[in-house]
Amino acid sequence: MTEQTPSLDHPKVVRGTKPRYEIFVDDSGEPAGKTYFTDRESVAGVRQRIFPHTEVGEEFGGHGLASKLVRAALDASVDEGYRIVTVCPYVKGWVEKHPEYQEHVDPTTPEHLQALQSR
């Protein structure tokens, strides 16, 4: 069975080679959007994935790609055993609208922001 070419109706989300998830809507090799992350381990040994920024190309706006991207990124992160830290305003708002994810979220602390500055 061959893999379907991504499209606006059937985008493909993958973990990029950089610490980010990317969403594709065609076979150009260029992502339509990205959500970046930084991994850290808390003093208590809790694995956390901090999401500082999400972007979708202007030309792809209005198709729900950011929502699909964030859902896939959070699902993968939770499946990998990470707690979620929502620094990105889009990710934070998305989680607030999807209460089933809130149990996986840790509040943002100064240590999280410091981890982002040192990356």
C-alpha atoms as a PDB file:
ATOM      1  CA  MET A   1       0.000   0.000   0.000  1.00  0.00           C
ATOM      2  CA  THR A   2       1.408   3.399  -0.944  1.00  0.00           C
ATOM      3  CA  GLU A   3       1.335   6.365   1.333  1.00  0.00           C
ATOM      4  CA  GLN A   4      -1.160   9.086   0.426  1.00  0.00           C
ATOM      5  CA  THR A   5       0.254  12.455  -0.604  1.00  0.00           C
ATOM      6  CA  PRO A   6      -0.566  14.986   2.122  1.00  0.00           C
ATOM      7  CA  SER A   7      -3.223  17.591   1.329  1.00  0.00           C
ATOM      8  CA  LEU A   8      -5.191  20.303   3.108  1.00  0.00           C
ATOM      9  CA  ASP A   9      -7.906  17.719   3.796  1.00  0.00           C
ATOM     10  CA  HIS A  10      -5.414  15.043   4.869  1.00  0.00           C
ATOM     11  CA  PRO A  11      -2.303  16.747   6.249  1.00  0.00           C
ATOM     12  CA  LYS A  12       0.632  14.780   7.600  1.00  0.00           C
ATOM     13  CA  VAL A  13       2.291  15.651  10.927  1.00  0.00           C
ATOM     14  CA  VAL A  14       5.825  14.437  11.598  1.00  0.00           C
ATOM     15  CA  ARG A  15       8.504  15.085  14.148  1.00  0.00           C
ATOM     16  CA  GLY A  16      11.120  17.167  12.376  1.00  0.00           C
ATOM     17  CA  THR A  17      14.867  16.806  12.472  1.00  0.00           C
ATOM     18  CA  LYS A  18      14.954  19.889  14.705  1.00  0.00           C
ATOM     19  CA  PRO A  19      13.032  19.900  18.003  1.00  0.00           C
ATOM     20  CA  ARG A  20       9.667  20.599  16.399  1.00  0.00           C
ATOM     21  CA  TYR A  21       6.646  18.952  14.853  1.00  0.00           C
ATOM     22  CA  GLU A  22       5.816  19.861  11.269  1.00  0.00           C
ATOM     23  CA  ILE A  23       2.602  19.633   9.259  1.00  0.00           C
ATOM     24  CA  PHE A  24       2.667  18.986   5.517  1.00  0.00           C
ATOM     25  CA  VAL A  25      -0.129  19.554   2.995  1.00  0.00           C
ATOM     26  CA  ASP A  26       1.724  18.602  -0.199  1.00  0.00           C
ATOM     27  CA  ASP A  27       4.846  16.789  -1.350  1.00  0.00           C
ATOM     28  CA  SER A  28       7.007  19.921  -1.751  1.00  0.00           C
ATOM     29  CA  GLY A  29       9.075  19.045   1.320  1.00  0.00           C
ATOM     30  CA  GLU A  30       8.214  22.398   2.916  1.00  0.00           C
ATOM     31  CA  PRO A  31       6.064  22.297   6.057  1.00  0.00           C
ATOM     32  CA  ALA A  32       2.876  24.383   6.118  1.00  0.00           C
ATOM     33  CA  GLY A  33       3.374  24.859   9.857  1.00  0.00           C
ATOM     34  CA  LYS A  34       5.570  24.037  12.839  1.00  0.00           C
ATOM     35  CA  THR A  35       5.297  23.813  16.591  1.00  0.00           C
ATOM     36  CA  TYR A  36       8.603  24.000  18.428  1.00  0.00           C
ATOM     37  CA  PHE A  37       9.478  22.279  21.693  1.00  0.00           C
ATOM     38  CA  THR A  38      12.223  21.964  24.279  1.00  0.00           C
ATOM     39  CA  ASP A  39      12.516  18.906  26.502  1.00  0.00           C
ATOM     40  CA  ARG A  40      13.670  19.082  30.097  1.00  0.00           C
ATOM     41  CA  GLU A  41      13.572  17.021  33.240  1.00  0.00           C
ATOM     42  CA  SER A  42      12.386  18.665  36.447  1.00  0.00           C
ATOM     43  CA  VAL A  43      14.257  18.390  39.732  1.00  0.00           C
ATOM     44  CA  ALA A  44      11.698  15.739  40.725  1.00  0.00           C
ATOM     45  CA  GLY A  45      12.584  13.716  37.599  1.00  0.00           C
ATOM     46  CA  VAL A  46       9.436  14.584  35.637  1.00  0.00           C
ATOM     47  CA  ARG A  47       9.951  14.662  31.876  1.00  0.00           C
ATOM     48  CA  GLN A  48       8.455  17.840  30.442  1.00  0.00           C
ATOM     49  CA  ARG A  49       8.055  19.112  26.901  1.00  0.00           C
ATOM     50  CA  ILE A  50       7.830  22.908  26.680  1.00  0.00           C
ATOM     51  CA  PHE A  51       5.995  24.344  23.659  1.00  0.00           C
ATOM     52  CA  PRO A  52       7.137  27.976  23.129  1.00  0.00           C
ATOM     53  CA  HIS A  53       5.912  28.743  19.601  1.00  0.00           C
ATOM     54  CA  THR A  54       3.565  27.535  16.861  1.00  0.00           C
ATOM     55  CA  GLU A  55       3.275  28.946  13.359  1.00  0.00           C
ATOM     56  CA  VAL A  56       1.322  28.158  10.202  1.00  0.00           C
ATOM     57  CA  GLY A  57       2.004  29.864   6.889  1.00  0.00           C
ATOM     58  CA  GLU A  58      -0.409  32.678   6.104  1.00  0.00           C
ATOM     59  CA  GLU A  59      -1.394  31.023   2.850  1.00  0.00           C
ATOM     60  CA  PHE A  60      -2.622  27.985   4.821  1.00  0.00           C
ATOM     61  CA  GLY A  61      -4.753  29.892   7.326  1.00  0.00           C
ATOM     62  CA  GLY A  62      -8.365  28.942   7.922  1.00  0.00           C
ATOM     63  CA  HIS A  63      -7.955  25.194   7.384  1.00  0.00           C
ATOM     64  CA  GLY A  64      -7.518  24.131  11.018  1.00  0.00           C
ATOM     65  CA  LEU A  65      -3.909  23.114  10.444  1.00  0.00           C
ATOM     66  CA  ALA A  66      -2.618  24.640  13.688  1.00  0.00           C
ATOM     67  CA  SER A  67      -5.186  22.649  15.648  1.00  0.00           C
ATOM     68  CA  LYS A  68      -4.304  19.393  13.854  1.00  0.00           C
ATOM     69  CA  LEU A  69      -0.599  20.087  14.349  1.00  0.00           C
ATOM     70  CA  VAL A  70      -0.924  20.814  18.066  1.00  0.00           C
ATOM     71  CA  ARG A  71      -3.189  17.811  18.684  1.00  0.00           C
ATOM     72  CA  ALA A  72      -0.703  15.465  16.994  1.00  0.00           C
ATOM     73  CA  ALA A  73       2.277  17.015  18.813  1.00  0.00           C
ATOM     74  CA  LEU A  74       0.596  16.788  22.214  1.00  0.00           C
ATOM     75  CA  ASP A  75      -0.614  13.227  21.573  1.00  0.00           C
ATOM     76  CA  ALA A  76       2.911  12.142  20.603  1.00  0.00           C
ATOM     77  CA  SER A  77       4.410  13.909  23.618  1.00  0.00           C
ATOM     78  CA  VAL A  78       1.983  12.315  26.067  1.00  0.00           C
ATOM     79  CA  ASP A  79       2.517   8.906  24.423  1.00  0.00           C
ATOM     80  CA  GLU A  80       6.279   9.370  24.939  1.00  0.00           C
ATOM     81  CA  GLY A  81       5.714  10.064  28.649  1.00  0.00           C
ATOM     82  CA  TYR A  82       6.095  13.848  28.690  1.00  0.00           C
ATOM     83  CA  ARG A  83       4.136  16.369  30.692  1.00  0.00           C
ATOM     84  CA  ILE A  84       3.152  19.406  28.618  1.00  0.00           C
ATOM     85  CA  VAL A  85       4.167  23.008  29.379  1.00  0.00           C
ATOM     86  CA  THR A  86       2.224  25.574  27.336  1.00  0.00           C
ATOM     87  CA  VAL A  87       4.279  28.738  26.880  1.00  0.00           C
ATOM     88  CA  CYS A  88       2.944  29.272  23.345  1.00  0.00           C
ATOM     89  CA  PRO A  89      -0.318  31.259  23.501  1.00  0.00           C
ATOM     90  CA  TYR A  90      -1.871  29.119  20.758  1.00  0.00           C
ATOM     91  CA  VAL A  91      -1.048  25.828  22.516  1.00  0.00           C
ATOM     92  CA  LYS A  92      -2.270  27.241  25.833  1.00  0.00           C
ATOM     93  CA  GLY A  93      -5.579  28.352  24.301  1.00  0.00           C
ATOM     94  CA  TRP A  94      -5.955  25.043  22.480  1.00  0.00           C
ATOM     95  CA  VAL A  95      -5.537  23.060  25.709  1.00  0.00           C
ATOM     96  CA  GLU A  96      -8.089  25.302  27.447  1.00  0.00           C
ATOM     97  CA  LYS A  97     -10.602  24.387  24.708  1.00  0.00           C
ATOM     98  CA  HIS A  98      -9.776  20.658  24.992  1.00  0.00           C
ATOM     99  CA  PRO A  99     -10.116  19.790  28.691  1.00  0.00           C
ATOM    100  CA  GLU A 100      -9.187  16.147  28.082  1.00  0.00           C
ATOM    101  CA  TYR A 101      -5.569  17.336  27.708  1.00  0.00           C
ATOM    102  CA  GLN A 102      -5.436  19.463  30.849  1.00  0.00           C
ATOM    103  CA  GLU A 103      -4.507  16.507  33.058  1.00  0.00           C
ATOM    104  CA  HIS A 104      -1.226  16.295  31.106  1.00  0.00           C
ATOM    105  CA  VAL A 105      -0.254  19.966  31.557  1.00  0.00           C
ATOM    106  CA  ASP A 106       2.127  21.449  34.118  1.00  0.00           C
ATOM    107  CA  PRO A 107       2.002  25.183  34.910  1.00  0.00           C
ATOM    108  CA  THR A 108       4.697  27.348  33.355  1.00  0.00           C
ATOM    109  CA  THR A 109       7.396  28.378  35.842  1.00  0.00           C
ATOM    110  CA  PRO A 110      10.430  30.680  35.627  1.00  0.00           C
ATOM    111  CA  GLU A 111      12.554  27.533  35.259  1.00  0.00           C
ATOM    112  CA  HIS A 112      10.699  26.653  32.049  1.00  0.00           C
ATOM    113  CA  LEU A 113      11.303  30.103  30.624  1.00  0.00           C
ATOM    114  CA  GLN A 114      14.963  29.884  31.613  1.00  0.00           C
ATOM    115  CA  ALA A 115      15.233  26.495  29.840  1.00  0.00           C
ATOM    116  CA  LEU A 116      13.942  28.153  26.678  1.00  0.00           C
ATOM    117  CA  GLN A 117      16.529  30.945  26.904  1.00  0.00           C
ATOM    118  CA  SER A 118      19.389  28.484  27.234  1.00  0.00           C
ATOM    119  CA  ARG A 119      18.476  26.438  24.158  1.00  0.00           C
END
